[in-house]
Amino acid sequence: MLTHCPELDALTGHIRAFGRMITELQGDRLPQWIEAVRADDLPSLHTFVNGLERDLAAVTAGLTLRWSSGVVEGHVNRARC
């Protein structure tokens, strides 16, 4: 299916590369990844990239540093008085 749909093939490659950045803490590769995404005609992924760029420093840190507040995300608003 990927050989017959270049857009899907490109999307798959970008998503896999982003997944590697997450799992291997490769935030330094984010600018190159964004540039590669922008080079392809993938409007939905461009929207995602726009969101990342709004707080690029925080996203890069999140993809680079070992420390994470991921466990508490979504639970903080459950605190009750």
N, C-alpha and C. Protein backbone atom coordinates (compact mmCIF):
# COMPACT_ATOMS: atom_id res chain seq x y z
N MET A 1 0.82 -1.18 0.00
CA MET A 1 0.00 0.00 0.00
C MET A 1 0.87 1.25 0.00
N LEU A 2 1.98 1.21 0.77
CA LEU A 2 2.86 2.37 0.84
C LEU A 2 3.49 2.70 -0.50
N THR A 3 3.77 1.69 -1.31
CA THR A 3 4.39 1.94 -2.62
C THR A 3 3.43 2.63 -3.57
N HIS A 4 2.15 2.49 -3.35
CA HIS A 4 1.15 3.11 -4.22
C HIS A 4 0.64 4.44 -3.70
N CYS A 5 1.06 4.80 -2.52
CA CYS A 5 0.60 6.06 -1.92
C CYS A 5 1.81 6.78 -1.30
N PRO A 6 2.46 7.65 -2.07
CA PRO A 6 3.66 8.32 -1.56
C PRO A 6 3.39 9.18 -0.32
N GLU A 7 2.19 9.76 -0.23
CA GLU A 7 1.87 10.58 0.94
C GLU A 7 1.84 9.72 2.21
N LEU A 8 1.23 8.55 2.12
CA LEU A 8 1.17 7.65 3.27
C LEU A 8 2.56 7.14 3.63
N ASP A 9 3.37 6.88 2.62
CA ASP A 9 4.74 6.44 2.85
C ASP A 9 5.53 7.52 3.58
N ALA A 10 5.39 8.77 3.14
CA ALA A 10 6.10 9.89 3.79
C ALA A 10 5.60 10.07 5.22
N LEU A 11 4.29 10.02 5.40
CA LEU A 11 3.71 10.16 6.74
C LEU A 11 4.23 9.09 7.68
N THR A 12 4.26 7.86 7.21
CA THR A 12 4.76 6.74 8.02
C THR A 12 6.21 6.97 8.43
N GLY A 13 7.03 7.43 7.49
CA GLY A 13 8.43 7.70 7.80
C GLY A 13 8.60 8.79 8.84
N HIS A 14 7.82 9.86 8.70
CA HIS A 14 7.92 10.96 9.66
C HIS A 14 7.46 10.53 11.06
N ILE A 15 6.39 9.77 11.12
CA ILE A 15 5.88 9.32 12.42
C ILE A 15 6.88 8.38 13.08
N ARG A 16 7.47 7.50 12.32
CA ARG A 16 8.48 6.59 12.89
C ARG A 16 9.70 7.36 13.39
N ALA A 17 10.13 8.36 12.62
CA ALA A 17 11.28 9.17 13.03
C ALA A 17 10.97 9.93 14.31
N PHE A 18 9.74 10.46 14.43
CA PHE A 18 9.35 11.16 15.64
C PHE A 18 9.31 10.20 16.82
N GLY A 19 8.82 9.01 16.60
CA GLY A 19 8.80 8.00 17.65
C GLY A 19 10.20 7.66 18.14
N ARG A 20 11.16 7.59 17.22
CA ARG A 20 12.55 7.34 17.62
C ARG A 20 13.08 8.49 18.47
N MET A 21 12.73 9.73 18.07
CA MET A 21 13.17 10.88 18.86
C MET A 21 12.65 10.78 20.29
N ILE A 22 11.42 10.33 20.44
CA ILE A 22 10.82 10.20 21.76
C ILE A 22 11.51 9.10 22.57
N THR A 23 11.64 7.93 21.99
CA THR A 23 12.15 6.79 22.75
C THR A 23 13.65 6.83 22.95
N GLU A 24 14.37 7.51 22.05
CA GLU A 24 15.83 7.55 22.16
C GLU A 24 16.34 8.91 22.63
N LEU A 25 15.42 9.78 23.09
CA LEU A 25 15.77 11.12 23.58
C LEU A 25 16.68 11.87 22.61
N GLN A 26 16.19 12.05 21.39
CA GLN A 26 16.96 12.70 20.34
C GLN A 26 16.36 14.06 19.97
N GLY A 27 16.08 14.88 20.97
CA GLY A 27 15.49 16.19 20.73
C GLY A 27 16.32 17.09 19.85
N ASP A 28 17.63 16.84 19.79
CA ASP A 28 18.50 17.65 18.93
C ASP A 28 18.18 17.45 17.45
N ARG A 29 17.46 16.39 17.11
CA ARG A 29 17.10 16.13 15.72
C ARG A 29 15.77 16.78 15.32
N LEU A 30 15.10 17.42 16.27
CA LEU A 30 13.79 18.00 15.99
C LEU A 30 13.81 19.03 14.86
N PRO A 31 14.75 19.97 14.82
CA PRO A 31 14.74 20.94 13.71
C PRO A 31 14.83 20.29 12.32
N GLN A 32 15.67 19.27 12.20
CA GLN A 32 15.79 18.56 10.91
C GLN A 32 14.50 17.82 10.58
N TRP A 33 13.87 17.25 11.62
CA TRP A 33 12.62 16.52 11.41
C TRP A 33 11.53 17.49 10.94
N ILE A 34 11.46 18.65 11.58
CA ILE A 34 10.47 19.66 11.19
C ILE A 34 10.70 20.09 9.75
N GLU A 35 11.94 20.31 9.39
CA GLU A 35 12.28 20.71 8.01
C GLU A 35 11.85 19.64 7.01
N ALA A 36 12.08 18.38 7.34
CA ALA A 36 11.69 17.27 6.46
C ALA A 36 10.17 17.20 6.33
N VAL A 37 9.45 17.41 7.42
CA VAL A 37 7.98 17.39 7.38
C VAL A 37 7.47 18.52 6.50
N ARG A 38 8.05 19.70 6.66
CA ARG A 38 7.62 20.87 5.87
C ARG A 38 7.85 20.65 4.36
N ALA A 39 8.83 19.82 4.03
CA ALA A 39 9.14 19.56 2.62
C ALA A 39 8.09 18.69 1.93
N ASP A 40 7.28 18.01 2.71
CA ASP A 40 6.24 17.14 2.15
C ASP A 40 4.87 17.80 2.25
N ASP A 41 3.99 17.45 1.35
CA ASP A 41 2.63 18.00 1.33
C ASP A 41 1.73 17.16 2.24
N LEU A 42 1.85 17.42 3.54
CA LEU A 42 1.08 16.68 4.54
C LEU A 42 0.44 17.69 5.51
N PRO A 43 -0.68 18.30 5.11
CA PRO A 43 -1.28 19.38 5.90
C PRO A 43 -1.54 19.03 7.36
N SER A 44 -2.00 17.85 7.65
CA SER A 44 -2.27 17.49 9.04
C SER A 44 -1.00 17.45 9.87
N LEU A 45 0.06 16.95 9.30
CA LEU A 45 1.33 16.90 10.01
C LEU A 45 1.92 18.31 10.13
N HIS A 46 1.66 19.16 9.16
CA HIS A 46 2.10 20.56 9.26
C HIS A 46 1.41 21.24 10.44
N THR A 47 0.16 20.94 10.66
CA THR A 47 -0.57 21.49 11.81
C THR A 47 0.09 21.03 13.11
N PHE A 48 0.47 19.77 13.19
CA PHE A 48 1.15 19.23 14.35
C PHE A 48 2.48 19.96 14.58
N VAL A 49 3.23 20.17 13.51
CA VAL A 49 4.51 20.87 13.59
C VAL A 49 4.31 22.31 14.06
N ASN A 50 3.27 22.97 13.58
CA ASN A 50 2.99 24.34 14.03
C ASN A 50 2.80 24.37 15.54
N GLY A 51 2.10 23.39 16.07
CA GLY A 51 1.90 23.30 17.51
C GLY A 51 3.21 23.07 18.25
N LEU A 52 4.08 22.23 17.72
CA LEU A 52 5.38 21.98 18.34
C LEU A 52 6.21 23.26 18.36
N GLU A 53 6.16 24.00 17.27
CA GLU A 53 6.97 25.21 17.15
C GLU A 53 6.52 26.32 18.08
N ARG A 54 5.27 26.29 18.53
CA ARG A 54 4.79 27.32 19.44
C ARG A 54 5.54 27.31 20.77
N ASP A 55 6.05 26.14 21.15
CA ASP A 55 6.85 26.05 22.38
C ASP A 55 8.03 25.12 22.12
N LEU A 56 8.81 25.48 21.12
CA LEU A 56 9.89 24.61 20.64
C LEU A 56 10.90 24.27 21.73
N ALA A 57 11.25 25.22 22.57
CA ALA A 57 12.24 24.95 23.62
C ALA A 57 11.74 23.86 24.57
N ALA A 58 10.48 23.94 24.96
CA ALA A 58 9.92 22.94 25.88
C ALA A 58 9.81 21.58 25.21
N VAL A 59 9.41 21.57 23.95
CA VAL A 59 9.29 20.29 23.22
C VAL A 59 10.67 19.66 23.07
N THR A 60 11.65 20.47 22.70
CA THR A 60 13.02 19.95 22.55
C THR A 60 13.53 19.39 23.87
N ALA A 61 13.28 20.10 24.96
CA ALA A 61 13.70 19.60 26.28
C ALA A 61 12.99 18.29 26.61
N GLY A 62 11.71 18.22 26.30
CA GLY A 62 10.96 16.99 26.56
C GLY A 62 11.44 15.80 25.76
N LEU A 63 12.00 16.09 24.58
CA LEU A 63 12.52 15.01 23.73
C LEU A 63 14.00 14.72 24.00
N THR A 64 14.60 15.47 24.91
CA THR A 64 16.03 15.34 25.15
C THR A 64 16.36 14.89 26.57
N LEU A 65 15.68 15.46 27.53
CA LEU A 65 16.00 15.20 28.94
C LEU A 65 15.31 13.95 29.46
N ARG A 66 15.94 13.30 30.42
CA ARG A 66 15.37 12.09 31.00
C ARG A 66 14.24 12.39 31.97
N TRP A 67 14.24 13.59 32.54
CA TRP A 67 13.23 13.93 33.53
C TRP A 67 11.90 14.19 32.86
N SER A 68 10.84 13.74 33.47
CA SER A 68 9.52 13.90 32.88
C SER A 68 8.47 14.00 33.98
N SER A 69 7.46 14.81 33.71
CA SER A 69 6.32 14.87 34.63
C SER A 69 5.15 14.10 34.03
N GLY A 70 5.44 13.25 33.07
CA GLY A 70 4.41 12.50 32.38
C GLY A 70 3.49 11.69 33.29
N VAL A 71 4.02 11.16 34.38
CA VAL A 71 3.23 10.35 35.29
C VAL A 71 2.14 11.18 35.96
N VAL A 72 2.44 12.45 36.25
CA VAL A 72 1.45 13.28 36.94
C VAL A 72 0.56 14.07 35.98
N GLU A 73 0.91 14.12 34.71
CA GLU A 73 0.07 14.84 33.75
C GLU A 73 -1.33 14.25 33.75
N GLY A 74 -2.30 15.09 33.83
CA GLY A 74 -3.68 14.63 33.84
C GLY A 74 -4.20 14.30 35.22
N HIS A 75 -3.29 14.15 36.19
CA HIS A 75 -3.70 13.85 37.55
C HIS A 75 -3.70 15.10 38.44
N VAL A 76 -2.94 16.10 38.03
CA VAL A 76 -2.82 17.32 38.83
C VAL A 76 -4.18 17.97 39.05
N ASN A 77 -5.03 17.93 38.04
CA ASN A 77 -6.34 18.58 38.16
C ASN A 77 -7.30 17.77 39.05
N ARG A 78 -6.88 16.64 39.53
CA ARG A 78 -7.74 15.82 40.40
C ARG A 78 -7.60 16.18 41.88
N ALA A 79 -6.62 17.06 42.17
CA ALA A 79 -6.43 17.45 43.58
C ALA A 79 -7.70 18.10 44.10
N ARG A 80 -8.11 17.69 45.27
CA ARG A 80 -9.36 18.21 45.84
C ARG A 80 -9.07 18.81 47.22
N CYS A 81 -9.80 19.82 47.53
CA CYS A 81 -9.64 20.48 48.85
C CYS A 81 -10.49 19.80 49.89
